Every structure is written in C-alpha cells, then in structure tokens.
Amino acid sequence: MFIYGILLVTLALALLSLYFMFTASGAPLRYSWSRLLLALALGVFIYLYGTWVYLTVNAKYAFGICLLLCLLSGFFRRRSRTARAPRPWKRVLSLFWTGMLVCLCIGYFTGTTGLKQQKIELAFPLKTGRYFVLQGGKGLPTNLFHFSLRGAIYAMDIVKLNQWGGRAEKVFSSRLEDYEIFNDTIYSPASGRVLRAYSDNPDNIPPNMERGPQNTNQVPA
C-alpha cells in the first residue's frame, strides 16, 4: 500500500542518514567532510519531508535528537587511524547529492510558485486540538498534489493528531472513525458571506478516491 511504502522510505532514509553521520563523524574531518555534509543534508531533508505523521510526529523529533547525537559522538570517539581519503568521484557524487538536498530544503520554506499574491489574514479553521499540515505551502515541492491542479496551489491537507502524535489509531485504517479529525468542526477562516454550500457528497472510505478533487463538499464565499 502507498502509505506503508512512503513511510518505509522515510524510515530507511532516516537510518541511512544516521549511518552516514555516525561513520563520517568518527573519521578525520579532512577525509570525511563531504560525507558529513551529505549526512547532514539528508538528515535535514528527511526531517522536513518525511511522512512521520503516518506513524507519529514524535518520531520526527526522536530522529532529530538521534542525528544530533551521532554528530556529537564524533567529538568523544577515537578517530580511526586507518581512514583514507575517498576517491574523487565519490566526493563529487556526495557534493552533488548534498546540493540537490539543500535546494529541496530551501524550497520547503520558500516555495517555488514565484507568484506574488496579495496577502490576506486568515484564522486557522480548526480549533479543538493539535493539528499538522500534511501537505501545503507555496507550490512545489511541499504541495505537489495541489500544485498539479493549478487552481489549488495554496490548498492544504490538515490532519488532527491524537495524544500519541499520530493521525489515527493505526498507520492506515479503512474506518473513518479511527481518524482523529473525523467529525471535527470547521470554522470560517475569514469574515464573509456564504453564497452556497455543497454537502451532499458522501465520504470516501480509504483508500477509495473515486470522487477525486473535483467532486468535494465546499462552501464558496
């Protein structure tokens, strides 16, 4: 299933960055600096983009602490005397991937739409708990699905977190009642007049997406 797949990728890349960080921090800096940069860039990338919320957002913070501990461990461990300088092509490859990951990390905060729209003050539309924006932002790369629709560049997918920091009792459930946000109340984010409301569309049962983004319940104002 897709959700399990991307969660597995998140955990695999997190472990890979920890391995890179631990091994690089234990070698002489003159040999390991490019690998250390790659480990740091990969760690920040997966910290920002990882689908931690499918498991629990607390796993994200635990990973960040582990990454920092791996980095700091290099100051207390004995440096390996058998370490050798990496081959030039390996160093170039590490720097290439580091550059790509750094660009993606920058894009996480800046977005890539290039659009300069008038700013509007909006209140958060949910008020009864702790929430997490699963997908949102100013275009790519954090809002890939909505960006592809063009008419929904600034749309957001919001999940409500339970006491364990997860969106549901399981990683994935076909029961709507298992999701913390089910039956939550939505409040208007701005003052205005409701022109019409669409509320006749039944809920999809995950992972069913037959209705798609063009057939949803809406409140145009």
N, C-alpha and C. Protein backbone atom coordinates (compact mmCIF):
# COMPACT_ATOMS: atom_id res chain seq x y z
N MET A 1 0.84 -1.19 0.00
CA MET A 1 0.00 0.00 0.00
C MET A 1 0.88 1.25 0.00
N PHE A 2 0.39 2.31 -0.64
CA PHE A 2 1.19 3.50 -0.85
C PHE A 2 1.68 4.12 0.46
N ILE A 3 0.79 4.25 1.44
CA ILE A 3 1.15 4.89 2.70
C ILE A 3 2.26 4.11 3.40
N TYR A 4 2.15 2.80 3.44
CA TYR A 4 3.19 1.98 4.06
C TYR A 4 4.50 2.13 3.29
N GLY A 5 4.40 2.26 1.97
CA GLY A 5 5.61 2.38 1.15
C GLY A 5 6.38 3.66 1.43
N ILE A 6 5.68 4.80 1.47
CA ILE A 6 6.39 6.06 1.69
C ILE A 6 6.86 6.18 3.14
N LEU A 7 6.13 5.54 4.07
CA LEU A 7 6.60 5.51 5.45
C LEU A 7 7.88 4.68 5.56
N LEU A 8 7.93 3.58 4.83
CA LEU A 8 9.12 2.75 4.81
C LEU A 8 10.30 3.51 4.22
N VAL A 9 10.06 4.27 3.17
CA VAL A 9 11.12 5.09 2.57
C VAL A 9 11.63 6.12 3.57
N THR A 10 10.71 6.74 4.29
CA THR A 10 11.09 7.72 5.32
C THR A 10 12.02 7.10 6.36
N LEU A 11 11.63 5.95 6.87
CA LEU A 11 12.43 5.30 7.91
C LEU A 11 13.77 4.81 7.36
N ALA A 12 13.77 4.32 6.12
CA ALA A 12 15.01 3.83 5.51
C ALA A 12 16.00 4.98 5.30
N LEU A 13 15.52 6.11 4.79
CA LEU A 13 16.41 7.26 4.58
C LEU A 13 16.88 7.84 5.91
N ALA A 14 16.02 7.79 6.92
CA ALA A 14 16.43 8.27 8.24
C ALA A 14 17.57 7.42 8.79
N LEU A 15 17.45 6.11 8.68
CA LEU A 15 18.51 5.22 9.15
C LEU A 15 19.78 5.41 8.34
N LEU A 16 19.64 5.63 7.03
CA LEU A 16 20.81 5.85 6.18
C LEU A 16 21.55 7.13 6.58
N SER A 17 20.81 8.19 6.87
CA SER A 17 21.45 9.44 7.27
C SER A 17 22.15 9.28 8.63
N LEU A 18 21.55 8.49 9.54
CA LEU A 18 22.19 8.24 10.83
C LEU A 18 23.48 7.44 10.66
N TYR A 19 23.45 6.48 9.73
CA TYR A 19 24.65 5.68 9.45
C TYR A 19 25.75 6.56 8.86
N PHE A 20 25.39 7.38 7.88
CA PHE A 20 26.37 8.29 7.28
C PHE A 20 26.96 9.22 8.33
N MET A 21 26.09 9.77 9.18
CA MET A 21 26.54 10.72 10.18
C MET A 21 27.48 10.06 11.20
N PHE A 22 27.12 8.85 11.64
CA PHE A 22 27.92 8.16 12.66
C PHE A 22 29.29 7.78 12.11
N THR A 23 29.33 7.24 10.90
CA THR A 23 30.61 6.82 10.33
C THR A 23 31.48 8.01 9.94
N ALA A 24 30.87 9.06 9.42
CA ALA A 24 31.64 10.23 8.99
C ALA A 24 32.20 11.00 10.18
N SER A 25 31.42 11.08 11.26
CA SER A 25 31.88 11.83 12.43
C SER A 25 33.01 11.13 13.16
N GLY A 26 33.21 9.84 12.89
CA GLY A 26 34.27 9.10 13.55
C GLY A 26 35.56 9.06 12.76
N ALA A 27 35.56 9.67 11.58
CA ALA A 27 36.76 9.70 10.74
C ALA A 27 37.38 11.09 10.76
N PRO A 28 38.66 11.22 10.41
CA PRO A 28 39.28 12.55 10.34
C PRO A 28 38.51 13.47 9.42
N LEU A 29 38.32 14.69 9.83
CA LEU A 29 37.49 15.63 9.08
C LEU A 29 38.02 15.87 7.67
N ARG A 30 39.33 15.83 7.48
CA ARG A 30 39.90 16.10 6.16
C ARG A 30 39.52 15.01 5.15
N TYR A 31 39.11 13.84 5.66
CA TYR A 31 38.69 12.77 4.79
C TYR A 31 37.16 12.68 4.68
N SER A 32 36.46 13.08 5.73
CA SER A 32 35.03 12.78 5.81
C SER A 32 34.11 13.99 5.65
N TRP A 33 34.66 15.18 5.37
CA TRP A 33 33.81 16.37 5.36
C TRP A 33 32.70 16.31 4.33
N SER A 34 32.98 15.73 3.14
CA SER A 34 31.94 15.67 2.11
C SER A 34 30.83 14.69 2.51
N ARG A 35 31.22 13.57 3.12
CA ARG A 35 30.23 12.60 3.59
C ARG A 35 29.44 13.16 4.77
N LEU A 36 30.10 13.97 5.59
CA LEU A 36 29.43 14.60 6.72
C LEU A 36 28.38 15.60 6.24
N LEU A 37 28.72 16.36 5.23
CA LEU A 37 27.76 17.30 4.65
C LEU A 37 26.56 16.57 4.06
N LEU A 38 26.83 15.45 3.37
CA LEU A 38 25.75 14.66 2.79
C LEU A 38 24.83 14.11 3.88
N ALA A 39 25.43 13.61 4.96
CA ALA A 39 24.63 13.06 6.05
C ALA A 39 23.75 14.14 6.68
N LEU A 40 24.30 15.33 6.86
CA LEU A 40 23.55 16.42 7.45
C LEU A 40 22.42 16.88 6.52
N ALA A 41 22.72 17.01 5.23
CA ALA A 41 21.71 17.43 4.26
C ALA A 41 20.59 16.41 4.16
N LEU A 42 20.96 15.12 4.11
CA LEU A 42 19.95 14.06 4.05
C LEU A 42 19.11 14.03 5.32
N GLY A 43 19.75 14.23 6.47
CA GLY A 43 19.03 14.23 7.73
C GLY A 43 18.02 15.36 7.81
N VAL A 44 18.42 16.57 7.42
CA VAL A 44 17.51 17.71 7.44
C VAL A 44 16.37 17.50 6.46
N PHE A 45 16.70 16.96 5.27
CA PHE A 45 15.69 16.72 4.26
C PHE A 45 14.62 15.75 4.76
N ILE A 46 15.03 14.64 5.32
CA ILE A 46 14.05 13.64 5.76
C ILE A 46 13.32 14.12 7.01
N TYR A 47 13.97 14.96 7.81
CA TYR A 47 13.29 15.55 8.97
C TYR A 47 12.14 16.44 8.50
N LEU A 48 12.36 17.21 7.44
CA LEU A 48 11.34 18.12 6.92
C LEU A 48 10.27 17.41 6.09
N TYR A 49 10.70 16.51 5.22
CA TYR A 49 9.79 15.92 4.24
C TYR A 49 9.26 14.54 4.62
N GLY A 50 9.82 13.93 5.63
CA GLY A 50 9.40 12.58 5.98
C GLY A 50 7.93 12.50 6.38
N THR A 51 7.30 11.40 6.06
CA THR A 51 5.88 11.22 6.37
C THR A 51 5.73 10.64 7.78
N TRP A 52 6.32 11.32 8.74
CA TRP A 52 6.32 10.86 10.13
C TRP A 52 4.92 10.77 10.71
N VAL A 53 4.03 11.64 10.25
CA VAL A 53 2.71 11.71 10.85
C VAL A 53 1.92 10.42 10.66
N TYR A 54 2.26 9.62 9.65
CA TYR A 54 1.57 8.34 9.47
C TYR A 54 1.86 7.40 10.64
N LEU A 55 3.01 7.59 11.26
CA LEU A 55 3.38 6.81 12.44
C LEU A 55 3.10 7.64 13.69
N THR A 56 3.88 8.68 13.87
CA THR A 56 3.68 9.69 14.92
C THR A 56 4.68 10.81 14.67
N VAL A 57 4.25 12.06 14.84
CA VAL A 57 5.17 13.17 14.63
C VAL A 57 6.28 13.17 15.68
N ASN A 58 6.05 12.47 16.79
CA ASN A 58 7.09 12.38 17.82
C ASN A 58 8.32 11.63 17.31
N ALA A 59 8.12 10.73 16.33
CA ALA A 59 9.25 10.02 15.74
C ALA A 59 10.17 10.99 15.02
N LYS A 60 9.60 12.04 14.47
CA LYS A 60 10.40 13.07 13.80
C LYS A 60 11.36 13.73 14.77
N TYR A 61 10.87 14.07 15.96
CA TYR A 61 11.71 14.73 16.95
C TYR A 61 12.75 13.76 17.51
N ALA A 62 12.36 12.50 17.67
CA ALA A 62 13.31 11.49 18.14
C ALA A 62 14.43 11.31 17.12
N PHE A 63 14.09 11.32 15.84
CA PHE A 63 15.11 11.21 14.80
C PHE A 63 16.06 12.40 14.83
N GLY A 64 15.52 13.61 15.00
CA GLY A 64 16.37 14.80 15.06
C GLY A 64 17.37 14.72 16.20
N ILE A 65 16.92 14.22 17.35
CA ILE A 65 17.82 14.06 18.50
C ILE A 65 18.90 13.02 18.21
N CYS A 66 18.51 11.91 17.58
CA CYS A 66 19.48 10.86 17.25
C CYS A 66 20.52 11.37 16.26
N LEU A 67 20.08 12.17 15.29
CA LEU A 67 21.01 12.73 14.31
C LEU A 67 22.02 13.64 15.00
N LEU A 68 21.54 14.45 15.91
CA LEU A 68 22.43 15.36 16.63
C LEU A 68 23.41 14.57 17.51
N LEU A 69 22.93 13.50 18.15
CA LEU A 69 23.80 12.68 18.99
C LEU A 69 24.89 12.00 18.17
N CYS A 70 24.53 11.54 16.97
CA CYS A 70 25.53 10.91 16.09
C CYS A 70 26.61 11.92 15.70
N LEU A 71 26.19 13.15 15.47
CA LEU A 71 27.16 14.20 15.12
C LEU A 71 28.07 14.51 16.30
N LEU A 72 27.48 14.65 17.48
CA LEU A 72 28.27 14.99 18.67
C LEU A 72 29.16 13.84 19.11
N SER A 73 28.77 12.62 18.78
CA SER A 73 29.58 11.47 19.20
C SER A 73 30.98 11.50 18.61
N GLY A 74 31.12 12.18 17.47
CA GLY A 74 32.43 12.27 16.84
C GLY A 74 33.45 13.00 17.69
N PHE A 75 32.98 13.87 18.59
CA PHE A 75 33.90 14.62 19.44
C PHE A 75 34.42 13.76 20.60
N PHE A 76 33.78 12.65 20.87
CA PHE A 76 34.15 11.83 22.02
C PHE A 76 34.73 10.48 21.62
N ARG A 77 34.58 10.12 20.34
CA ARG A 77 35.12 8.84 19.90
C ARG A 77 36.54 9.02 19.38
N ARG A 78 37.31 7.95 19.47
CA ARG A 78 38.68 7.97 18.94
C ARG A 78 38.63 7.91 17.42
N ARG A 79 39.33 8.80 16.80
CA ARG A 79 39.34 8.85 15.34
C ARG A 79 40.03 7.62 14.76
N SER A 80 39.47 7.13 13.70
CA SER A 80 40.05 5.95 13.05
C SER A 80 41.37 6.32 12.38
N ARG A 81 42.41 5.53 12.64
CA ARG A 81 43.72 5.80 12.04
C ARG A 81 43.88 5.10 10.68
N THR A 82 42.93 4.28 10.35
CA THR A 82 43.01 3.56 9.07
C THR A 82 42.18 4.24 7.99
N ALA A 83 41.55 5.36 8.34
CA ALA A 83 40.71 6.05 7.36
C ALA A 83 41.55 6.57 6.20
N ARG A 84 40.95 6.52 5.02
CA ARG A 84 41.63 7.00 3.81
C ARG A 84 40.75 8.04 3.12
N ALA A 85 41.40 8.86 2.35
CA ALA A 85 40.66 9.87 1.58
C ALA A 85 39.76 9.17 0.56
N PRO A 86 38.53 9.62 0.39
CA PRO A 86 37.64 8.99 -0.59
C PRO A 86 38.12 9.28 -2.01
N ARG A 87 37.74 8.44 -2.91
CA ARG A 87 38.08 8.67 -4.31
C ARG A 87 37.39 9.94 -4.81
N PRO A 88 38.02 10.65 -5.73
CA PRO A 88 37.45 11.93 -6.18
C PRO A 88 36.01 11.81 -6.68
N TRP A 89 35.67 10.74 -7.38
CA TRP A 89 34.31 10.62 -7.92
C TRP A 89 33.28 10.44 -6.80
N LYS A 90 33.68 9.81 -5.70
CA LYS A 90 32.77 9.66 -4.57
C LYS A 90 32.52 11.00 -3.90
N ARG A 91 33.58 11.79 -3.81
CA ARG A 91 33.42 13.12 -3.19
C ARG A 91 32.54 14.00 -4.06
N VAL A 92 32.73 13.94 -5.36
CA VAL A 92 31.90 14.73 -6.28
C VAL A 92 30.45 14.29 -6.19
N LEU A 93 30.23 12.98 -6.14
CA LEU A 93 28.86 12.46 -6.04
C LEU A 93 28.20 12.90 -4.73
N SER A 94 28.96 12.88 -3.65
CA SER A 94 28.42 13.32 -2.36
C SER A 94 28.04 14.80 -2.41
N LEU A 95 28.90 15.62 -3.01
CA LEU A 95 28.61 17.04 -3.11
C LEU A 95 27.42 17.31 -4.01
N PHE A 96 27.27 16.51 -5.06
CA PHE A 96 26.13 16.67 -5.96
C PHE A 96 24.82 16.43 -5.22
N TRP A 97 24.74 15.32 -4.50
CA TRP A 97 23.52 14.99 -3.77
C TRP A 97 23.29 15.97 -2.63
N THR A 98 24.37 16.44 -2.03
CA THR A 98 24.23 17.45 -0.98
C THR A 98 23.59 18.71 -1.53
N GLY A 99 24.05 19.15 -2.70
CA GLY A 99 23.49 20.34 -3.33
C GLY A 99 22.01 20.17 -3.66
N MET A 100 21.63 18.99 -4.18
CA MET A 100 20.23 18.73 -4.51
C MET A 100 19.36 18.78 -3.26
N LEU A 101 19.83 18.15 -2.21
CA LEU A 101 19.06 18.11 -0.97
C LEU A 101 18.95 19.48 -0.32
N VAL A 102 20.00 20.27 -0.38
CA VAL A 102 19.97 21.62 0.17
C VAL A 102 18.94 22.47 -0.58
N CYS A 103 18.88 22.33 -1.90
CA CYS A 103 17.89 23.08 -2.70
C CYS A 103 16.47 22.70 -2.29
N LEU A 104 16.24 21.41 -2.06
CA LEU A 104 14.91 20.96 -1.65
C LEU A 104 14.57 21.48 -0.25
N CYS A 105 15.56 21.53 0.63
CA CYS A 105 15.32 22.04 1.98
C CYS A 105 14.99 23.54 1.94
N ILE A 106 15.67 24.27 1.08
CA ILE A 106 15.37 25.69 0.92
C ILE A 106 13.96 25.86 0.36
N GLY A 107 13.61 25.02 -0.64
CA GLY A 107 12.28 25.08 -1.23
C GLY A 107 11.17 24.78 -0.26
N TYR A 108 11.49 24.03 0.79
CA TYR A 108 10.49 23.72 1.82
C TYR A 108 9.98 25.00 2.48
N PHE A 109 10.85 25.99 2.64
CA PHE A 109 10.47 27.22 3.32
C PHE A 109 10.07 28.34 2.35
N THR A 110 10.57 28.30 1.12
CA THR A 110 10.32 29.41 0.20
C THR A 110 9.23 29.11 -0.82
N GLY A 111 9.03 27.82 -1.16
CA GLY A 111 8.10 27.50 -2.24
C GLY A 111 8.71 27.85 -3.59
N THR A 112 8.02 27.46 -4.65
CA THR A 112 8.58 27.66 -5.98
C THR A 112 7.58 28.22 -6.98
N THR A 113 6.44 28.73 -6.51
CA THR A 113 5.44 29.22 -7.46
C THR A 113 5.88 30.50 -8.14
N GLY A 114 6.66 31.31 -7.42
CA GLY A 114 7.08 32.57 -7.99
C GLY A 114 5.97 33.59 -8.08
N LEU A 115 4.81 33.28 -7.50
CA LEU A 115 3.67 34.18 -7.58
C LEU A 115 3.68 35.16 -6.40
N LYS A 116 3.38 36.39 -6.67
CA LYS A 116 3.28 37.40 -5.63
C LYS A 116 1.83 37.81 -5.51
N GLN A 117 1.15 37.20 -4.58
CA GLN A 117 -0.26 37.45 -4.38
C GLN A 117 -0.48 38.39 -3.20
N GLN A 118 -1.64 39.04 -3.21
CA GLN A 118 -1.99 39.89 -2.09
C GLN A 118 -2.20 39.04 -0.84
N LYS A 119 -1.62 39.47 0.26
CA LYS A 119 -1.73 38.71 1.50
C LYS A 119 -3.07 38.98 2.16
N ILE A 120 -3.66 37.92 2.72
CA ILE A 120 -4.94 38.01 3.41
C ILE A 120 -4.79 37.36 4.77
N GLU A 121 -5.28 38.02 5.79
CA GLU A 121 -5.22 37.46 7.14
C GLU A 121 -6.28 36.37 7.28
N LEU A 122 -5.84 35.16 7.60
CA LEU A 122 -6.75 34.03 7.76
C LEU A 122 -6.53 33.37 9.12
N ALA A 123 -7.62 32.99 9.75
CA ALA A 123 -7.52 32.24 11.01
C ALA A 123 -7.48 30.76 10.69
N PHE A 124 -6.88 29.99 11.57
CA PHE A 124 -6.85 28.54 11.37
C PHE A 124 -8.26 27.99 11.50
N PRO A 125 -8.71 27.18 10.56
CA PRO A 125 -10.13 26.76 10.53
C PRO A 125 -10.51 25.65 11.49
N LEU A 126 -9.57 25.14 12.26
CA LEU A 126 -9.84 24.07 13.21
C LEU A 126 -9.32 24.49 14.59
N LYS A 127 -10.08 24.18 15.64
CA LYS A 127 -9.76 24.78 16.93
C LYS A 127 -9.83 23.83 18.12
N THR A 128 -10.08 22.57 17.91
CA THR A 128 -10.37 21.71 19.06
C THR A 128 -9.27 20.72 19.40
N GLY A 129 -8.06 20.95 18.93
CA GLY A 129 -7.00 20.00 19.23
C GLY A 129 -5.67 20.43 18.64
N ARG A 130 -4.83 19.47 18.40
CA ARG A 130 -3.50 19.68 17.84
C ARG A 130 -3.50 19.18 16.40
N TYR A 131 -2.98 19.99 15.48
CA TYR A 131 -3.09 19.68 14.06
C TYR A 131 -1.72 19.73 13.38
N PHE A 132 -1.67 19.10 12.22
CA PHE A 132 -0.43 19.01 11.45
C PHE A 132 -0.78 19.17 9.98
N VAL A 133 -0.04 20.05 9.27
CA VAL A 133 -0.25 20.23 7.83
C VAL A 133 0.55 19.17 7.09
N LEU A 134 -0.17 18.20 6.55
CA LEU A 134 0.48 17.10 5.85
C LEU A 134 1.00 17.54 4.49
N GLN A 135 0.25 18.39 3.82
CA GLN A 135 0.65 18.90 2.51
C GLN A 135 0.11 20.32 2.37
N GLY A 136 0.99 21.25 2.04
CA GLY A 136 0.58 22.63 1.89
C GLY A 136 1.78 23.51 1.61
N GLY A 137 1.53 24.77 1.36
CA GLY A 137 2.63 25.68 1.09
C GLY A 137 2.53 26.33 -0.27
N LYS A 138 3.54 27.07 -0.59
CA LYS A 138 3.57 27.86 -1.81
C LYS A 138 4.12 27.04 -2.98
N GLY A 139 3.28 26.11 -3.47
CA GLY A 139 3.69 25.34 -4.63
C GLY A 139 4.63 24.21 -4.31
N LEU A 140 5.50 23.88 -5.25
CA LEU A 140 6.46 22.80 -5.10
C LEU A 140 7.56 23.22 -4.11
N PRO A 141 8.19 22.26 -3.46
CA PRO A 141 7.96 20.82 -3.52
C PRO A 141 7.04 20.30 -2.42
N THR A 142 6.57 21.16 -1.51
CA THR A 142 5.78 20.67 -0.38
C THR A 142 4.31 20.50 -0.70
N ASN A 143 3.87 20.97 -1.85
CA ASN A 143 2.45 20.91 -2.19
C ASN A 143 2.27 20.30 -3.58
N LEU A 144 2.92 19.17 -3.79
CA LEU A 144 2.99 18.56 -5.12
C LEU A 144 1.62 18.25 -5.69
N PHE A 145 0.75 17.60 -4.91
CA PHE A 145 -0.55 17.19 -5.42
C PHE A 145 -1.42 18.40 -5.76
N HIS A 146 -1.51 19.36 -4.86
CA HIS A 146 -2.34 20.54 -5.11
C HIS A 146 -1.75 21.41 -6.21
N PHE A 147 -0.44 21.48 -6.28
CA PHE A 147 0.20 22.30 -7.32
C PHE A 147 -0.16 21.79 -8.70
N SER A 148 -0.30 20.47 -8.83
CA SER A 148 -0.62 19.90 -10.14
C SER A 148 -2.03 20.27 -10.60
N LEU A 149 -2.90 20.69 -9.67
CA LEU A 149 -4.26 21.08 -10.03
C LEU A 149 -4.34 22.53 -10.49
N ARG A 150 -3.28 23.28 -10.22
CA ARG A 150 -3.17 24.69 -10.61
C ARG A 150 -4.19 25.58 -9.93
N GLY A 151 -5.44 25.18 -9.82
CA GLY A 151 -6.44 26.01 -9.16
C GLY A 151 -6.40 25.88 -7.66
N ALA A 152 -5.51 25.04 -7.15
CA ALA A 152 -5.46 24.79 -5.70
C ALA A 152 -4.02 24.86 -5.19
N ILE A 153 -3.24 25.79 -5.73
CA ILE A 153 -1.82 25.89 -5.38
C ILE A 153 -1.61 26.08 -3.89
N TYR A 154 -2.52 26.83 -3.26
CA TYR A 154 -2.34 27.15 -1.84
C TYR A 154 -3.22 26.28 -0.93
N ALA A 155 -3.80 25.23 -1.48
CA ALA A 155 -4.64 24.34 -0.67
C ALA A 155 -3.77 23.57 0.34
N MET A 156 -4.39 23.08 1.40
CA MET A 156 -3.67 22.36 2.44
C MET A 156 -4.42 21.10 2.82
N ASP A 157 -3.68 20.06 3.13
CA ASP A 157 -4.22 18.85 3.75
C ASP A 157 -3.85 18.89 5.23
N ILE A 158 -4.85 18.94 6.09
CA ILE A 158 -4.62 19.07 7.53
C ILE A 158 -5.10 17.81 8.24
N VAL A 159 -4.29 17.28 9.12
CA VAL A 159 -4.68 16.13 9.93
C VAL A 159 -4.66 16.53 11.40
N LYS A 160 -5.54 15.92 12.16
CA LYS A 160 -5.60 16.16 13.59
C LYS A 160 -4.82 15.07 14.30
N LEU A 161 -4.04 15.44 15.30
CA LEU A 161 -3.17 14.49 15.98
C LEU A 161 -3.82 14.00 17.28
N ASN A 162 -3.62 12.73 17.54
CA ASN A 162 -4.09 12.17 18.81
C ASN A 162 -3.03 12.38 19.89
N GLN A 163 -3.24 11.81 21.05
CA GLN A 163 -2.31 12.04 22.16
C GLN A 163 -0.92 11.48 21.90
N TRP A 164 -0.80 10.55 20.95
CA TRP A 164 0.49 9.95 20.63
C TRP A 164 1.17 10.64 19.45
N GLY A 165 0.53 11.69 18.92
CA GLY A 165 1.12 12.40 17.79
C GLY A 165 0.81 11.79 16.45
N GLY A 166 -0.11 10.84 16.38
CA GLY A 166 -0.49 10.21 15.12
C GLY A 166 -1.83 10.70 14.64
N ARG A 167 -2.15 10.45 13.39
CA ARG A 167 -3.42 10.91 12.84
C ARG A 167 -4.55 9.93 13.10
N ALA A 168 -4.22 8.67 13.43
CA ALA A 168 -5.22 7.64 13.67
C ALA A 168 -4.65 6.60 14.62
N GLU A 169 -5.49 5.66 15.00
CA GLU A 169 -5.05 4.60 15.90
C GLU A 169 -4.09 3.63 15.22
N LYS A 170 -4.12 3.59 13.88
CA LYS A 170 -3.24 2.72 13.11
C LYS A 170 -2.50 3.56 12.08
N VAL A 171 -1.48 2.96 11.46
CA VAL A 171 -0.80 3.64 10.37
C VAL A 171 -1.77 3.92 9.25
N PHE A 172 -2.64 2.95 8.96
CA PHE A 172 -3.67 3.12 7.94
C PHE A 172 -4.91 2.35 8.37
N SER A 173 -6.06 2.96 8.22
CA SER A 173 -7.32 2.32 8.59
C SER A 173 -8.38 2.64 7.56
N SER A 174 -9.26 1.70 7.30
CA SER A 174 -10.37 1.91 6.38
C SER A 174 -11.62 2.40 7.12
N ARG A 175 -11.51 2.58 8.44
CA ARG A 175 -12.63 3.07 9.25
C ARG A 175 -12.45 4.57 9.49
N LEU A 176 -13.40 5.36 9.01
CA LEU A 176 -13.31 6.81 9.18
C LEU A 176 -13.25 7.20 10.65
N GLU A 177 -13.94 6.44 11.50
CA GLU A 177 -13.98 6.77 12.92
C GLU A 177 -12.63 6.64 13.60
N ASP A 178 -11.69 5.93 12.97
CA ASP A 178 -10.36 5.75 13.56
C ASP A 178 -9.49 6.99 13.42
N TYR A 179 -9.87 7.90 12.54
CA TYR A 179 -9.08 9.10 12.30
C TYR A 179 -9.49 10.21 13.27
N GLU A 180 -8.52 10.83 13.88
CA GLU A 180 -8.77 11.81 14.93
C GLU A 180 -9.60 12.98 14.43
N ILE A 181 -9.47 13.34 13.17
CA ILE A 181 -10.13 14.53 12.64
C ILE A 181 -11.58 14.26 12.22
N PHE A 182 -11.99 13.01 12.20
CA PHE A 182 -13.35 12.67 11.75
C PHE A 182 -14.38 13.34 12.66
N ASN A 183 -15.34 13.99 12.02
CA ASN A 183 -16.44 14.70 12.71
C ASN A 183 -15.99 15.96 13.43
N ASP A 184 -14.80 16.47 13.11
CA ASP A 184 -14.34 17.72 13.70
C ASP A 184 -15.15 18.88 13.13
N THR A 185 -15.12 20.01 13.81
CA THR A 185 -15.85 21.21 13.38
C THR A 185 -14.91 22.15 12.64
N ILE A 186 -15.35 22.63 11.48
CA ILE A 186 -14.57 23.57 10.68
C ILE A 186 -15.15 24.97 10.87
N TYR A 187 -14.28 25.93 11.15
CA TYR A 187 -14.69 27.31 11.34
C TYR A 187 -14.23 28.16 10.16
N SER A 188 -14.95 29.21 9.89
CA SER A 188 -14.59 30.11 8.80
C SER A 188 -13.26 30.79 9.11
N PRO A 189 -12.32 30.77 8.18
CA PRO A 189 -11.01 31.42 8.43
C PRO A 189 -11.05 32.93 8.24
N ALA A 190 -12.14 33.46 7.69
CA ALA A 190 -12.24 34.90 7.46
C ALA A 190 -13.72 35.30 7.46
N SER A 191 -13.97 36.56 7.68
CA SER A 191 -15.35 37.05 7.63
C SER A 191 -15.80 37.13 6.18
N GLY A 192 -17.08 36.91 5.95
CA GLY A 192 -17.62 36.94 4.59
C GLY A 192 -19.04 36.45 4.55
N ARG A 193 -19.56 36.28 3.36
CA ARG A 193 -20.92 35.81 3.18
C ARG A 193 -20.92 34.50 2.41
N VAL A 194 -21.60 33.52 2.94
CA VAL A 194 -21.69 32.22 2.28
C VAL A 194 -22.68 32.33 1.12
N LEU A 195 -22.21 32.01 -0.08
CA LEU A 195 -23.05 32.08 -1.27
C LEU A 195 -23.79 30.78 -1.52
N ARG A 196 -23.12 29.68 -1.30
CA ARG A 196 -23.75 28.37 -1.48
C ARG A 196 -22.92 27.33 -0.74
N ALA A 197 -23.49 26.18 -0.53
CA ALA A 197 -22.79 25.11 0.16
C ALA A 197 -23.07 23.79 -0.54
N TYR A 198 -22.03 22.98 -0.70
CA TYR A 198 -22.15 21.64 -1.28
C TYR A 198 -21.80 20.63 -0.19
N SER A 199 -22.77 19.85 0.20
CA SER A 199 -22.52 18.90 1.28
C SER A 199 -23.19 17.55 1.04
N ASP A 200 -23.55 17.27 -0.19
CA ASP A 200 -24.27 16.03 -0.50
C ASP A 200 -23.35 14.87 -0.87
N ASN A 201 -22.09 15.14 -1.06
CA ASN A 201 -21.17 14.08 -1.47
C ASN A 201 -20.82 13.21 -0.27
N PRO A 202 -20.98 11.91 -0.38
CA PRO A 202 -20.66 11.02 0.75
C PRO A 202 -19.14 10.92 0.95
N ASP A 203 -18.75 10.59 2.16
CA ASP A 203 -17.33 10.41 2.45
C ASP A 203 -16.79 9.19 1.71
N ASN A 204 -15.55 9.31 1.23
CA ASN A 204 -14.87 8.15 0.69
C ASN A 204 -14.38 7.26 1.83
N ILE A 205 -14.36 5.97 1.60
CA ILE A 205 -13.78 5.04 2.55
C ILE A 205 -12.35 4.76 2.11
N PRO A 206 -11.35 5.16 2.89
CA PRO A 206 -9.95 4.94 2.48
C PRO A 206 -9.68 3.49 2.12
N PRO A 207 -8.91 3.24 1.05
CA PRO A 207 -8.20 4.20 0.20
C PRO A 207 -8.97 4.63 -1.04
N ASN A 208 -10.28 4.47 -1.06
CA ASN A 208 -11.10 4.85 -2.21
C ASN A 208 -10.98 6.35 -2.49
N MET A 209 -10.65 6.70 -3.74
CA MET A 209 -10.55 8.11 -4.13
C MET A 209 -11.32 8.34 -5.43
N GLU A 210 -12.45 7.64 -5.59
CA GLU A 210 -13.19 7.72 -6.85
C GLU A 210 -13.73 9.12 -7.12
N ARG A 211 -14.11 9.83 -6.04
CA ARG A 211 -14.68 11.17 -6.26
C ARG A 211 -13.62 12.14 -6.73
N GLY A 212 -12.42 12.01 -6.18
CA GLY A 212 -11.33 12.88 -6.63
C GLY A 212 -11.50 14.30 -6.16
N PRO A 213 -10.57 15.16 -6.53
CA PRO A 213 -10.56 16.54 -6.02
C PRO A 213 -11.63 17.44 -6.65
N GLN A 214 -12.26 16.99 -7.74
CA GLN A 214 -13.23 17.84 -8.41
C GLN A 214 -14.64 17.63 -7.89
N ASN A 215 -14.86 16.70 -7.00
CA ASN A 215 -16.20 16.37 -6.53
C ASN A 215 -16.19 16.33 -5.01
N THR A 216 -16.07 17.48 -4.38
CA THR A 216 -15.92 17.55 -2.93
C THR A 216 -16.98 18.45 -2.33
N ASN A 217 -17.13 18.37 -1.04
CA ASN A 217 -18.03 19.27 -0.33
C ASN A 217 -17.34 20.61 -0.14
N GLN A 218 -18.03 21.70 -0.48
CA GLN A 218 -17.41 23.03 -0.49
C GLN A 218 -18.37 24.05 0.10
N VAL A 219 -17.77 25.18 0.52
CA VAL A 219 -18.54 26.32 0.99
C VAL A 219 -17.98 27.57 0.33
N PRO A 220 -18.34 27.88 -0.94
CA PRO A 220 -17.84 29.07 -1.61
C PRO A 220 -18.38 30.33 -0.93
N ALA A 221 -17.51 31.33 -0.85
CA ALA A 221 -17.93 32.59 -0.24
C ALA A 221 -17.45 33.77 -1.08
